Amino acid sequence: MIIDGDDLYLDLLFYNRHLKRLVAIELKIGKFEAQHKGQMELYLKWLNKYEKQEGENEPIGLILCAESNKEQVELLEMHKDGIMVAEFWTAIPPKKELEKKLHQLLSEAKERIERKLL
């Protein structure tokens, strides 16, 4: 992408036929930072303006980080802008640790659902 004469590079771009939209993916080696939201918003607006075809839905973004800051992500309400944040693992943790993490994530997801229903 060239914006104001600057070359910008999106890490990955896919098209999801079922969702009928472009899916932009940014890979971050470190911890999630609030500035990543602005970068992804810029990419999504550019894709919406220059790449979206007739009949397609607006592009969505996924930021993959080595570590996410859950409170920052929640406060930034990124889901409202079509942006999600997820963590990636460079190695599979031991079984007990993986089970603990999965139970924790399930519990957090249930809490978010309950808060939305209230």
PDB file of N, CA and C in Angstrom:
ATOM      1  N   MET A   1       0.845  -1.165   0.000  1.00  0.00           N
ATOM      2  CA  MET A   1       0.000   0.000   0.000  1.00  0.00           C
ATOM      3  C   MET A   1       0.895   1.234   0.000  1.00  0.00           C
ATOM      4  N   ILE A   2       0.525   2.209  -0.791  1.00  0.00           N
ATOM      5  CA  ILE A   2       1.231   3.482  -0.763  1.00  0.00           C
ATOM      6  C   ILE A   2       0.244   4.531  -0.263  1.00  0.00           C
ATOM      7  N   ILE A   3       0.574   5.125   0.878  1.00  0.00           N
ATOM      8  CA  ILE A   3      -0.285   6.145   1.482  1.00  0.00           C
ATOM      9  C   ILE A   3       0.583   7.362   1.755  1.00  0.00           C
ATOM     10  N   ASP A   4       0.230   8.478   1.173  1.00  0.00           N
ATOM     11  CA  ASP A   4       0.997   9.731   1.313  1.00  0.00           C
ATOM     12  C   ASP A   4       2.459   9.525   0.946  1.00  0.00           C
ATOM     13  N   GLY A   5       2.710   8.709  -0.057  1.00  0.00           N
ATOM     14  CA  GLY A   5       4.067   8.477  -0.519  1.00  0.00           C
ATOM     15  C   GLY A   5       4.853   7.459   0.292  1.00  0.00           C
ATOM     16  N   ASP A   6       4.260   6.933   1.361  1.00  0.00           N
ATOM     17  CA  ASP A   6       4.937   5.928   2.184  1.00  0.00           C
ATOM     18  C   ASP A   6       4.479   4.531   1.780  1.00  0.00           C
ATOM     19  N   ASP A   7       5.438   3.617   1.663  1.00  0.00           N
ATOM     20  CA  ASP A   7       5.121   2.217   1.389  1.00  0.00           C
ATOM     21  C   ASP A   7       4.798   1.520   2.705  1.00  0.00           C
ATOM     22  N   LEU A   8       3.629   0.930   2.791  1.00  0.00           N
ATOM     23  CA  LEU A   8       3.216   0.187   3.976  1.00  0.00           C
ATOM     24  C   LEU A   8       2.970  -1.256   3.568  1.00  0.00           C
ATOM     25  N   TYR A   9       3.323  -2.186   4.451  1.00  0.00           N
ATOM     26  CA  TYR A   9       3.232  -3.597   4.104  1.00  0.00           C
ATOM     27  C   TYR A   9       2.398  -4.360   5.117  1.00  0.00           C
ATOM     28  N   LEU A  10       1.314  -4.905   4.662  1.00  0.00           N
ATOM     29  CA  LEU A  10       0.468  -5.780   5.452  1.00  0.00           C
ATOM     30  C   LEU A  10       1.101  -7.167   5.424  1.00  0.00           C
ATOM     31  N   ASP A  11       1.144  -7.854   6.573  1.00  0.00           N
ATOM     32  CA  ASP A  11       1.823  -9.152   6.622  1.00  0.00           C
ATOM     33  C   ASP A  11       1.112 -10.212   5.783  1.00  0.00           C
ATOM     34  N   LEU A  12      -0.185 -10.379   5.980  1.00  0.00           N
ATOM     35  CA  LEU A  12      -0.944 -11.392   5.239  1.00  0.00           C
ATOM     36  C   LEU A  12      -2.318 -10.839   4.865  1.00  0.00           C
ATOM     37  N   LEU A  13      -2.813 -11.232   3.701  1.00  0.00           N
ATOM     38  CA  LEU A  13      -4.142 -10.835   3.270  1.00  0.00           C
ATOM     39  C   LEU A  13      -4.826 -12.042   2.640  1.00  0.00           C
ATOM     40  N   PHE A  14      -5.996 -12.368   3.174  1.00  0.00           N
ATOM     41  CA  PHE A  14      -6.772 -13.496   2.665  1.00  0.00           C
ATOM     42  C   PHE A  14      -8.159 -13.018   2.275  1.00  0.00           C
ATOM     43  N   TYR A  15      -8.850 -13.841   1.517  1.00  0.00           N
ATOM     44  CA  TYR A  15     -10.255 -13.594   1.215  1.00  0.00           C
ATOM     45  C   TYR A  15     -11.043 -14.788   1.735  1.00  0.00           C
ATOM     46  N   ASN A  16     -12.065 -14.534   2.522  1.00  0.00           N
ATOM     47  CA  ASN A  16     -12.913 -15.594   3.057  1.00  0.00           C
ATOM     48  C   ASN A  16     -14.199 -15.620   2.251  1.00  0.00           C
ATOM     49  N   ARG A  17     -14.397 -16.703   1.508  1.00  0.00           N
ATOM     50  CA  ARG A  17     -15.582 -16.802   0.650  1.00  0.00           C
ATOM     51  C   ARG A  17     -16.865 -16.834   1.455  1.00  0.00           C
ATOM     52  N   HIS A  18     -16.862 -17.545   2.577  1.00  0.00           N
ATOM     53  CA  HIS A  18     -18.073 -17.647   3.389  1.00  0.00           C
ATOM     54  C   HIS A  18     -18.477 -16.271   3.956  1.00  0.00           C
ATOM     55  N   LEU A  19     -17.499 -15.529   4.448  1.00  0.00           N
ATOM     56  CA  LEU A  19     -17.779 -14.203   5.008  1.00  0.00           C
ATOM     57  C   LEU A  19     -17.889 -13.126   3.933  1.00  0.00           C
ATOM     58  N   LYS A  20     -17.414 -13.436   2.739  1.00  0.00           N
ATOM     59  CA  LYS A  20     -17.394 -12.486   1.621  1.00  0.00           C
ATOM     60  C   LYS A  20     -16.666 -11.203   2.006  1.00  0.00           C
ATOM     61  N   ARG A  21     -15.434 -11.378   2.492  1.00  0.00           N
ATOM     62  CA  ARG A  21     -14.646 -10.219   2.905  1.00  0.00           C
ATOM     63  C   ARG A  21     -13.165 -10.537   2.934  1.00  0.00           C
ATOM     64  N   LEU A  22     -12.378  -9.479   2.841  1.00  0.00           N
ATOM     65  CA  LEU A  22     -10.932  -9.591   2.987  1.00  0.00           C
ATOM     66  C   LEU A  22     -10.603  -9.727   4.473  1.00  0.00           C
ATOM     67  N   VAL A  23      -9.572 -10.503   4.771  1.00  0.00           N
ATOM     68  CA  VAL A  23      -9.111 -10.690   6.145  1.00  0.00           C
ATOM     69  C   VAL A  23      -7.636 -10.300   6.188  1.00  0.00           C
ATOM     70  N   ALA A  24      -7.353  -9.205   6.870  1.00  0.00           N
ATOM     71  CA  ALA A  24      -5.985  -8.704   6.997  1.00  0.00           C
ATOM     72  C   ALA A  24      -5.381  -9.244   8.287  1.00  0.00           C
ATOM     73  N   ILE A  25      -4.147  -9.740   8.198  1.00  0.00           N
ATOM     74  CA  ILE A  25      -3.487 -10.311   9.373  1.00  0.00           C
ATOM     75  C   ILE A  25      -2.133  -9.646   9.563  1.00  0.00           C
ATOM     76  N   GLU A  26      -1.907  -9.158  10.773  1.00  0.00           N
ATOM     77  CA  GLU A  26      -0.628  -8.564  11.159  1.00  0.00           C
ATOM     78  C   GLU A  26       0.015  -9.457  12.207  1.00  0.00           C
ATOM     79  N   LEU A  27       1.280  -9.768  12.020  1.00  0.00           N
ATOM     80  CA  LEU A  27       2.032 -10.605  12.951  1.00  0.00           C
ATOM     81  C   LEU A  27       2.955  -9.723  13.780  1.00  0.00           C
ATOM     82  N   LYS A  28       2.865  -9.826  15.090  1.00  0.00           N
ATOM     83  CA  LYS A  28       3.694  -9.032  15.992  1.00  0.00           C
ATOM     84  C   LYS A  28       4.516  -9.964  16.869  1.00  0.00           C
ATOM     85  N   ILE A  29       5.820  -9.775  16.887  1.00  0.00           N
ATOM     86  CA  ILE A  29       6.719 -10.645  17.637  1.00  0.00           C
ATOM     87  C   ILE A  29       6.548 -10.456  19.140  1.00  0.00           C
ATOM     88  N   GLY A  30       6.269  -9.255  19.557  1.00  0.00           N
ATOM     89  CA  GLY A  30       6.195  -8.960  20.992  1.00  0.00           C
ATOM     90  C   GLY A  30       4.777  -8.890  21.514  1.00  0.00           C
ATOM     91  N   LYS A  31       4.638  -8.140  22.579  1.00  0.00           N
ATOM     92  CA  LYS A  31       3.369  -7.950  23.269  1.00  0.00           C
ATOM     93  C   LYS A  31       2.489  -6.980  22.482  1.00  0.00           C
ATOM     94  N   PHE A  32       1.161  -7.137  22.582  1.00  0.00           N
ATOM     95  CA  PHE A  32       0.232  -6.212  21.935  1.00  0.00           C
ATOM     96  C   PHE A  32       0.447  -4.809  22.479  1.00  0.00           C
ATOM     97  N   GLU A  33       0.418  -3.830  21.597  1.00  0.00           N
ATOM     98  CA  GLU A  33       0.510  -2.415  21.970  1.00  0.00           C
ATOM     99  C   GLU A  33      -0.663  -1.685  21.345  1.00  0.00           C
ATOM    100  N   ALA A  34      -1.166  -0.674  22.034  1.00  0.00           N
ATOM    101  CA  ALA A  34      -2.339   0.071  21.567  1.00  0.00           C
ATOM    102  C   ALA A  34      -2.142   0.635  20.160  1.00  0.00           C
ATOM    103  N   GLN A  35      -0.924   0.996  19.810  1.00  0.00           N
ATOM    104  CA  GLN A  35      -0.659   1.573  18.489  1.00  0.00           C
ATOM    105  C   GLN A  35      -0.939   0.578  17.366  1.00  0.00           C
ATOM    106  N   HIS A  36      -0.947  -0.721  17.663  1.00  0.00           N
ATOM    107  CA  HIS A  36      -1.241  -1.720  16.641  1.00  0.00           C
ATOM    108  C   HIS A  36      -2.665  -1.559  16.106  1.00  0.00           C
ATOM    109  N   LYS A  37      -3.565  -1.095  16.977  1.00  0.00           N
ATOM    110  CA  LYS A  37      -4.948  -0.867  16.536  1.00  0.00           C
ATOM    111  C   LYS A  37      -4.981   0.187  15.434  1.00  0.00           C
ATOM    112  N   GLY A  38      -4.289   1.290  15.623  1.00  0.00           N
ATOM    113  CA  GLY A  38      -4.276   2.355  14.623  1.00  0.00           C
ATOM    114  C   GLY A  38      -3.707   1.893  13.302  1.00  0.00           C
ATOM    115  N   GLN A  39      -2.651   1.096  13.366  1.00  0.00           N
ATOM    116  CA  GLN A  39      -2.047   0.562  12.153  1.00  0.00           C
ATOM    117  C   GLN A  39      -3.049  -0.305  11.402  1.00  0.00           C
ATOM    118  N   MET A  40      -3.734  -1.207  12.132  1.00  0.00           N
ATOM    119  CA  MET A  40      -4.703  -2.094  11.484  1.00  0.00           C
ATOM    120  C   MET A  40      -5.896  -1.297  10.950  1.00  0.00           C
ATOM    121  N   GLU A  41      -6.343  -0.292  11.691  1.00  0.00           N
ATOM    122  CA  GLU A  41      -7.458   0.542  11.204  1.00  0.00           C
ATOM    123  C   GLU A  41      -7.090   1.193   9.873  1.00  0.00           C
ATOM    124  N   LEU A  42      -5.876   1.702   9.770  1.00  0.00           N
ATOM    125  CA  LEU A  42      -5.421   2.317   8.527  1.00  0.00           C
ATOM    126  C   LEU A  42      -5.452   1.304   7.387  1.00  0.00           C
ATOM    127  N   TYR A  43      -4.926   0.113   7.633  1.00  0.00           N
ATOM    128  CA  TYR A  43      -4.925  -0.924   6.611  1.00  0.00           C
ATOM    129  C   TYR A  43      -6.351  -1.282   6.180  1.00  0.00           C
ATOM    130  N   LEU A  44      -7.254  -1.431   7.148  1.00  0.00           N
ATOM    131  CA  LEU A  44      -8.626  -1.818   6.820  1.00  0.00           C
ATOM    132  C   LEU A  44      -9.339  -0.728   6.030  1.00  0.00           C
ATOM    133  N   LYS A  45      -9.110   0.521   6.380  1.00  0.00           N
ATOM    134  CA  LYS A  45      -9.741   1.618   5.636  1.00  0.00           C
ATOM    135  C   LYS A  45      -9.208   1.678   4.206  1.00  0.00           C
ATOM    136  N   TRP A  46      -7.895   1.453   4.044  1.00  0.00           N
ATOM    137  CA  TRP A  46      -7.305   1.439   2.705  1.00  0.00           C
ATOM    138  C   TRP A  46      -7.879   0.282   1.888  1.00  0.00           C
ATOM    139  N   LEU A  47      -7.942  -0.894   2.469  1.00  0.00           N
ATOM    140  CA  LEU A  47      -8.505  -2.056   1.771  1.00  0.00           C
ATOM    141  C   LEU A  47      -9.963  -1.821   1.393  1.00  0.00           C
ATOM    142  N   ASN A  48     -10.704  -1.208   2.313  1.00  0.00           N
ATOM    143  CA  ASN A  48     -12.118  -0.923   2.043  1.00  0.00           C
ATOM    144  C   ASN A  48     -12.264   0.050   0.873  1.00  0.00           C
ATOM    145  N   LYS A  49     -11.381   1.041   0.803  1.00  0.00           N
ATOM    146  CA  LYS A  49     -11.466   2.052  -0.244  1.00  0.00           C
ATOM    147  C   LYS A  49     -10.950   1.566  -1.594  1.00  0.00           C
ATOM    148  N   TYR A  50      -9.855   0.794  -1.597  1.00  0.00           N
ATOM    149  CA  TYR A  50      -9.195   0.462  -2.858  1.00  0.00           C
ATOM    150  C   TYR A  50      -9.318  -0.997  -3.312  1.00  0.00           C
ATOM    151  N   GLU A  51      -9.603  -1.908  -2.419  1.00  0.00           N
ATOM    152  CA  GLU A  51      -9.595  -3.322  -2.789  1.00  0.00           C
ATOM    153  C   GLU A  51     -10.948  -4.022  -2.688  1.00  0.00           C
ATOM    154  N   LYS A  52     -11.842  -3.517  -1.864  1.00  0.00           N
ATOM    155  CA  LYS A  52     -13.135  -4.166  -1.683  1.00  0.00           C
ATOM    156  C   LYS A  52     -13.926  -4.124  -2.992  1.00  0.00           C
ATOM    157  N   GLN A  53     -14.475  -5.270  -3.370  1.00  0.00           N
ATOM    158  CA  GLN A  53     -15.264  -5.379  -4.586  1.00  0.00           C
ATOM    159  C   GLN A  53     -16.755  -5.247  -4.263  1.00  0.00           C
ATOM    160  N   GLU A  54     -17.526  -4.938  -5.265  1.00  0.00           N
ATOM    161  CA  GLU A  54     -18.973  -4.828  -5.096  1.00  0.00           C
ATOM    162  C   GLU A  54     -19.529  -6.157  -4.588  1.00  0.00           C
ATOM    163  N   GLY A  55     -20.412  -6.078  -3.608  1.00  0.00           N
ATOM    164  CA  GLY A  55     -21.029  -7.277  -3.042  1.00  0.00           C
ATOM    165  C   GLY A  55     -20.258  -7.877  -1.879  1.00  0.00           C
ATOM    166  N   GLU A  56     -19.071  -7.352  -1.600  1.00  0.00           N
ATOM    167  CA  GLU A  56     -18.284  -7.850  -0.477  1.00  0.00           C
ATOM    168  C   GLU A  56     -18.578  -7.043   0.780  1.00  0.00           C
ATOM    169  N   ASN A  57     -18.374  -7.674   1.922  1.00  0.00           N
ATOM    170  CA  ASN A  57     -18.491  -6.990   3.204  1.00  0.00           C
ATOM    171  C   ASN A  57     -17.181  -6.267   3.503  1.00  0.00           C
ATOM    172  N   GLU A  58     -17.218  -5.368   4.497  1.00  0.00           N
ATOM    173  CA  GLU A  58     -16.017  -4.615   4.859  1.00  0.00           C
ATOM    174  C   GLU A  58     -14.939  -5.566   5.370  1.00  0.00           C
ATOM    175  N   PRO A  59     -13.674  -5.257   5.110  1.00  0.00           N
ATOM    176  CA  PRO A  59     -12.576  -6.103   5.578  1.00  0.00           C
ATOM    177  C   PRO A  59     -12.521  -6.173   7.110  1.00  0.00           C
ATOM    178  N   ILE A  60     -11.962  -7.256   7.614  1.00  0.00           N
ATOM    179  CA  ILE A  60     -11.739  -7.399   9.052  1.00  0.00           C
ATOM    180  C   ILE A  60     -10.252  -7.656   9.276  1.00  0.00           C
ATOM    181  N   GLY A  61      -9.798  -7.417  10.512  1.00  0.00           N
ATOM    182  CA  GLY A  61      -8.384  -7.568  10.819  1.00  0.00           C
ATOM    183  C   GLY A  61      -8.132  -8.476  12.002  1.00  0.00           C
ATOM    184  N   LEU A  62      -7.010  -9.161  11.947  1.00  0.00           N
ATOM    185  CA  LEU A  62      -6.558 -10.018  13.034  1.00  0.00           C
ATOM    186  C   LEU A  62      -5.112  -9.660  13.337  1.00  0.00           C
ATOM    187  N   ILE A  63      -4.853  -9.322  14.589  1.00  0.00           N
ATOM    188  CA  ILE A  63      -3.500  -9.025  15.036  1.00  0.00           C
ATOM    189  C   ILE A  63      -3.038 -10.200  15.883  1.00  0.00           C
ATOM    190  N   LEU A  64      -2.012 -10.895  15.414  1.00  0.00           N
ATOM    191  CA  LEU A  64      -1.452 -12.034  16.140  1.00  0.00           C
ATOM    192  C   LEU A  64      -0.196 -11.576  16.871  1.00  0.00           C
ATOM    193  N   CYS A  65      -0.207 -11.702  18.193  1.00  0.00           N
ATOM    194  CA  CYS A  65       0.908 -11.255  19.022  1.00  0.00           C
ATOM    195  C   CYS A  65       1.448 -12.408  19.857  1.00  0.00           C
ATOM    196  N   ALA A  66       2.711 -12.272  20.274  1.00  0.00           N
ATOM    197  CA  ALA A  66       3.293 -13.263  21.173  1.00  0.00           C
ATOM    198  C   ALA A  66       2.601 -13.196  22.531  1.00  0.00           C
ATOM    199  N   GLU A  67       2.078 -12.022  22.868  1.00  0.00           N
ATOM    200  CA  GLU A  67       1.372 -11.844  24.144  1.00  0.00           C
ATOM    201  C   GLU A  67       0.362 -10.725  23.967  1.00  0.00           C
ATOM    202  N   SER A  68      -0.860 -10.957  24.447  1.00  0.00           N
ATOM    203  CA  SER A  68      -1.862  -9.894  24.327  1.00  0.00           C
ATOM    204  C   SER A  68      -2.053  -9.211  25.669  1.00  0.00           C
ATOM    205  N   ASN A  69      -2.449  -7.970  25.633  1.00  0.00           N
ATOM    206  CA  ASN A  69      -2.812  -7.205  26.828  1.00  0.00           C
ATOM    207  C   ASN A  69      -4.328  -7.154  26.866  1.00  0.00           C
ATOM    208  N   LYS A  70      -4.934  -8.098  27.564  1.00  0.00           N
ATOM    209  CA  LYS A  70      -6.382  -8.265  27.521  1.00  0.00           C
ATOM    210  C   LYS A  70      -7.143  -7.003  27.907  1.00  0.00           C
ATOM    211  N   GLU A  71      -6.686  -6.302  28.940  1.00  0.00           N
ATOM    212  CA  GLU A  71      -7.405  -5.104  29.375  1.00  0.00           C
ATOM    213  C   GLU A  71      -7.323  -4.004  28.314  1.00  0.00           C
ATOM    214  N   GLN A  72      -6.155  -3.828  27.706  1.00  0.00           N
ATOM    215  CA  GLN A  72      -6.033  -2.823  26.648  1.00  0.00           C
ATOM    216  C   GLN A  72      -6.954  -3.157  25.484  1.00  0.00           C
ATOM    217  N   VAL A  73      -6.955  -4.416  25.078  1.00  0.00           N
ATOM    218  CA  VAL A  73      -7.803  -4.840  23.963  1.00  0.00           C
ATOM    219  C   VAL A  73      -9.264  -4.581  24.293  1.00  0.00           C
ATOM    220  N   GLU A  74      -9.665  -4.905  25.521  1.00  0.00           N
ATOM    221  CA  GLU A  74     -11.056  -4.684  25.933  1.00  0.00           C
ATOM    222  C   GLU A  74     -11.399  -3.197  25.968  1.00  0.00           C
ATOM    223  N   LEU A  75     -10.514  -2.385  26.534  1.00  0.00           N
ATOM    224  CA  LEU A  75     -10.777  -0.946  26.625  1.00  0.00           C
ATOM    225  C   LEU A  75     -10.830  -0.278  25.257  1.00  0.00           C
ATOM    226  N   LEU A  76     -10.020  -0.758  24.332  1.00  0.00           N
ATOM    227  CA  LEU A  76     -10.000  -0.185  22.986  1.00  0.00           C
ATOM    228  C   LEU A  76     -11.222  -0.595  22.160  1.00  0.00           C
ATOM    229  N   GLU A  77     -11.988  -1.568  22.664  1.00  0.00           N
ATOM    230  CA  GLU A  77     -13.198  -2.049  21.977  1.00  0.00           C
ATOM    231  C   GLU A  77     -12.925  -2.310  20.497  1.00  0.00           C
ATOM    232  N   MET A  78     -11.867  -3.037  20.253  1.00  0.00           N
ATOM    233  CA  MET A  78     -11.411  -3.291  18.892  1.00  0.00           C
ATOM    234  C   MET A  78     -12.412  -4.087  18.067  1.00  0.00           C
ATOM    235  N   HIS A  79     -13.185  -4.935  18.732  1.00  0.00           N
ATOM    236  CA  HIS A  79     -14.169  -5.741  18.004  1.00  0.00           C
ATOM    237  C   HIS A  79     -15.178  -4.862  17.266  1.00  0.00           C
ATOM    238  N   LYS A  80     -15.426  -3.663  17.790  1.00  0.00           N
ATOM    239  CA  LYS A  80     -16.375  -2.749  17.140  1.00  0.00           C
ATOM    240  C   LYS A  80     -15.837  -2.239  15.802  1.00  0.00           C
ATOM    241  N   ASP A  81     -14.509  -2.297  15.648  1.00  0.00           N
ATOM    242  CA  ASP A  81     -13.873  -1.849  14.405  1.00  0.00           C
ATOM    243  C   ASP A  81     -13.500  -3.019  13.498  1.00  0.00           C
ATOM    244  N   GLY A  82     -13.991  -4.210  13.858  1.00  0.00           N
ATOM    245  CA  GLY A  82     -13.699  -5.388  13.041  1.00  0.00           C
ATOM    246  C   GLY A  82     -12.281  -5.902  13.209  1.00  0.00           C
ATOM    247  N   ILE A  83     -11.704  -5.649  14.388  1.00  0.00           N
ATOM    248  CA  ILE A  83     -10.330  -6.078  14.661  1.00  0.00           C
ATOM    249  C   ILE A  83     -10.321  -6.997  15.878  1.00  0.00           C
ATOM    250  N   MET A  84      -9.651  -8.115  15.741  1.00  0.00           N
ATOM    251  CA  MET A  84      -9.493  -9.057  16.849  1.00  0.00           C
ATOM    252  C   MET A  84      -8.004  -9.232  17.124  1.00  0.00           C
ATOM    253  N   VAL A  85      -7.687  -9.579  18.367  1.00  0.00           N
ATOM    254  CA  VAL A  85      -6.305  -9.836  18.764  1.00  0.00           C
ATOM    255  C   VAL A  85      -6.232 -11.253  19.309  1.00  0.00           C
ATOM    256  N   ALA A  86      -5.204 -11.969  18.925  1.00  0.00           N
ATOM    257  CA  ALA A  86      -4.995 -13.324  19.426  1.00  0.00           C
ATOM    258  C   ALA A  86      -3.511 -13.534  19.685  1.00  0.00           C
ATOM    259  N   GLU A  87      -3.220 -14.465  20.579  1.00  0.00           N
ATOM    260  CA  GLU A  87      -1.838 -14.824  20.878  1.00  0.00           C
ATOM    261  C   GLU A  87      -1.427 -16.025  20.047  1.00  0.00           C
ATOM    262  N   PHE A  88      -0.166 -16.092  19.718  1.00  0.00           N
ATOM    263  CA  PHE A  88       0.358 -17.286  19.068  1.00  0.00           C
ATOM    264  C   PHE A  88       1.422 -17.893  19.969  1.00  0.00           C
ATOM    265  N   TRP A  89       1.610 -19.180  19.827  1.00  0.00           N
ATOM    266  CA  TRP A  89       2.631 -19.890  20.587  1.00  0.00           C
ATOM    267  C   TRP A  89       3.743 -20.297  19.651  1.00  0.00           C
ATOM    268  N   THR A  90       4.962 -20.194  20.130  1.00  0.00           N
ATOM    269  CA  THR A  90       6.097 -20.653  19.336  1.00  0.00           C
ATOM    270  C   THR A  90       6.405 -22.120  19.618  1.00  0.00           C
ATOM    271  N   ALA A  91       5.839 -22.648  20.713  1.00  0.00           N
ATOM    272  CA  ALA A  91       5.991 -24.062  21.057  1.00  0.00           C
ATOM    273  C   ALA A  91       4.749 -24.493  21.832  1.00  0.00           C
ATOM    274  N   ILE A  92       4.369 -25.738  21.692  1.00  0.00           N
ATOM    275  CA  ILE A  92       3.211 -26.251  22.430  1.00  0.00           C
ATOM    276  C   ILE A  92       3.632 -26.466  23.881  1.00  0.00           C
ATOM    277  N   PRO A  93       2.863 -25.879  24.819  1.00  0.00           N
ATOM    278  CA  PRO A  93       3.225 -26.042  26.233  1.00  0.00           C
ATOM    279  C   PRO A  93       2.916 -27.468  26.711  1.00  0.00           C
ATOM    280  N   PRO A  94       3.432 -27.845  27.880  1.00  0.00           N
ATOM    281  CA  PRO A  94       3.112 -29.157  28.440  1.00  0.00           C
ATOM    282  C   PRO A  94       1.598 -29.319  28.603  1.00  0.00           C
ATOM    283  N   LYS A  95       1.135 -30.568  28.589  1.00  0.00           N
ATOM    284  CA  LYS A  95      -0.300 -30.874  28.606  1.00  0.00           C
ATOM    285  C   LYS A  95      -1.033 -30.179  29.752  1.00  0.00           C
ATOM    286  N   LYS A  96      -0.508 -30.237  30.965  1.00  0.00           N
ATOM    287  CA  LYS A  96      -1.174 -29.617  32.133  1.00  0.00           C
ATOM    288  C   LYS A  96      -1.312 -28.110  31.943  1.00  0.00           C
ATOM    289  N   GLU A  97      -0.257 -27.484  31.445  1.00  0.00           N
ATOM    290  CA  GLU A  97      -0.285 -26.037  31.209  1.00  0.00           C
ATOM    291  C   GLU A  97      -1.290 -25.686  30.112  1.00  0.00           C
ATOM    292  N   LEU A  98      -1.341 -26.488  29.073  1.00  0.00           N
ATOM    293  CA  LEU A  98      -2.293 -26.277  27.986  1.00  0.00           C
ATOM    294  C   LEU A  98      -3.722 -26.418  28.478  1.00  0.00           C
ATOM    295  N   GLU A  99      -3.999 -27.451  29.273  1.00  0.00           N
ATOM    296  CA  GLU A  99      -5.334 -27.638  29.836  1.00  0.00           C
ATOM    297  C   GLU A  99      -5.732 -26.451  30.703  1.00  0.00           C
ATOM    298  N   LYS A 100      -4.799 -25.977  31.532  1.00  0.00           N
ATOM    299  CA  LYS A 100      -5.067 -24.820  32.398  1.00  0.00           C
ATOM    300  C   LYS A 100      -5.410 -23.592  31.562  1.00  0.00           C
ATOM    301  N   LYS A 101      -4.624 -23.367  30.511  1.00  0.00           N
ATOM    302  CA  LYS A 101      -4.843 -22.204  29.634  1.00  0.00           C
ATOM    303  C   LYS A 101      -6.199 -22.299  28.931  1.00  0.00           C
ATOM    304  N   LEU A 102      -6.553 -23.473  28.445  1.00  0.00           N
ATOM    305  CA  LEU A 102      -7.841 -23.657  27.767  1.00  0.00           C
ATOM    306  C   LEU A 102      -9.008 -23.421  28.716  1.00  0.00           C
ATOM    307  N   HIS A 103      -8.903 -23.921  29.954  1.00  0.00           N
ATOM    308  CA  HIS A 103      -9.960 -23.695  30.949  1.00  0.00           C
ATOM    309  C   HIS A 103     -10.077 -22.206  31.288  1.00  0.00           C
ATOM    310  N   GLN A 104      -8.935 -21.544  31.401  1.00  0.00           N
ATOM    311  CA  GLN A 104      -8.927 -20.108  31.680  1.00  0.00           C
ATOM    312  C   GLN A 104      -9.621 -19.338  30.548  1.00  0.00           C
ATOM    313  N   LEU A 105      -9.270 -19.664  29.305  1.00  0.00           N
ATOM    314  CA  LEU A 105      -9.878 -18.982  28.156  1.00  0.00           C
ATOM    315  C   LEU A 105     -11.373 -19.239  28.079  1.00  0.00           C
ATOM    316  N   LEU A 106     -11.795 -20.465  28.370  1.00  0.00           N
ATOM    317  CA  LEU A 106     -13.218 -20.791  28.366  1.00  0.00           C
ATOM    318  C   LEU A 106     -13.951 -19.995  29.430  1.00  0.00           C
ATOM    319  N   SER A 107     -13.368 -19.900  30.610  1.00  0.00           N
ATOM    320  CA  SER A 107     -13.968 -19.130  31.698  1.00  0.00           C
ATOM    321  C   SER A 107     -14.084 -17.652  31.329  1.00  0.00           C
ATOM    322  N   GLU A 108     -13.035 -17.093  30.732  1.00  0.00           N
ATOM    323  CA  GLU A 108     -13.064 -15.683  30.315  1.00  0.00           C
ATOM    324  C   GLU A 108     -14.118 -15.449  29.238  1.00  0.00           C
ATOM    325  N   ALA A 109     -14.244 -16.373  28.312  1.00  0.00           N
ATOM    326  CA  ALA A 109     -15.250 -16.239  27.248  1.00  0.00           C
ATOM    327  C   ALA A 109     -16.655 -16.264  27.843  1.00  0.00           C
ATOM    328  N   LYS A 110     -16.897 -17.156  28.804  1.00  0.00           N
ATOM    329  CA  LYS A 110     -18.213 -17.222  29.454  1.00  0.00           C
ATOM    330  C   LYS A 110     -18.529 -15.925  30.181  1.00  0.00           C
ATOM    331  N   GLU A 111     -17.528 -15.358  30.867  1.00  0.00           N
ATOM    332  CA  GLU A 111     -17.718 -14.086  31.579  1.00  0.00           C
ATOM    333  C   GLU A 111     -18.083 -12.969  30.604  1.00  0.00           C
ATOM    334  N   ARG A 112     -17.391 -12.906  29.448  1.00  0.00           N
ATOM    335  CA  ARG A 112     -17.692 -11.866  28.459  1.00  0.00           C
ATOM    336  C   ARG A 112     -19.113 -12.016  27.929  1.00  0.00           C
ATOM    337  N   ILE A 113     -19.528 -13.235  27.687  1.00  0.00           N
ATOM    338  CA  ILE A 113     -20.882 -13.484  27.186  1.00  0.00           C
ATOM    339  C   ILE A 113     -21.907 -13.044  28.229  1.00  0.00           C
ATOM    340  N   GLU A 114     -21.674 -13.390  29.502  1.00  0.00           N
ATOM    341  CA  GLU A 114     -22.593 -13.013  30.571  1.00  0.00           C
ATOM    342  C   GLU A 114     -22.702 -11.502  30.708  1.00  0.00           C
ATOM    343  N   ARG A 115     -21.544 -10.793  30.591  1.00  0.00           N
ATOM    344  CA  ARG A 115     -21.570  -9.324  30.694  1.00  0.00           C
ATOM    345  C   ARG A 115     -22.378  -8.702  29.573  1.00  0.00           C
ATOM    346  N   LYS A 116     -22.289  -9.282  28.375  1.00  0.00           N
ATOM    347  CA  LYS A 116     -23.042  -8.757  27.234  1.00  0.00           C
ATOM    348  C   LYS A 116     -24.537  -8.977  27.402  1.00  0.00           C
ATOM    349  N   LEU A 117     -24.910 -10.057  28.078  1.00  0.00           N
ATOM    350  CA  LEU A 117     -26.331 -10.366  28.267  1.00  0.00           C
ATOM    351  C   LEU A 117     -26.966  -9.508  29.339  1.00  0.00           C
ATOM    352  N   LEU A 118     -26.158  -8.919  30.241  1.00  0.00           N
ATOM    353  CA  LEU A 118     -26.700  -8.082  31.319  1.00  0.00           C
ATOM    354  C   LEU A 118     -27.100  -6.728  30.861  1.00  0.00           C
TER     355      LEU A 118
END
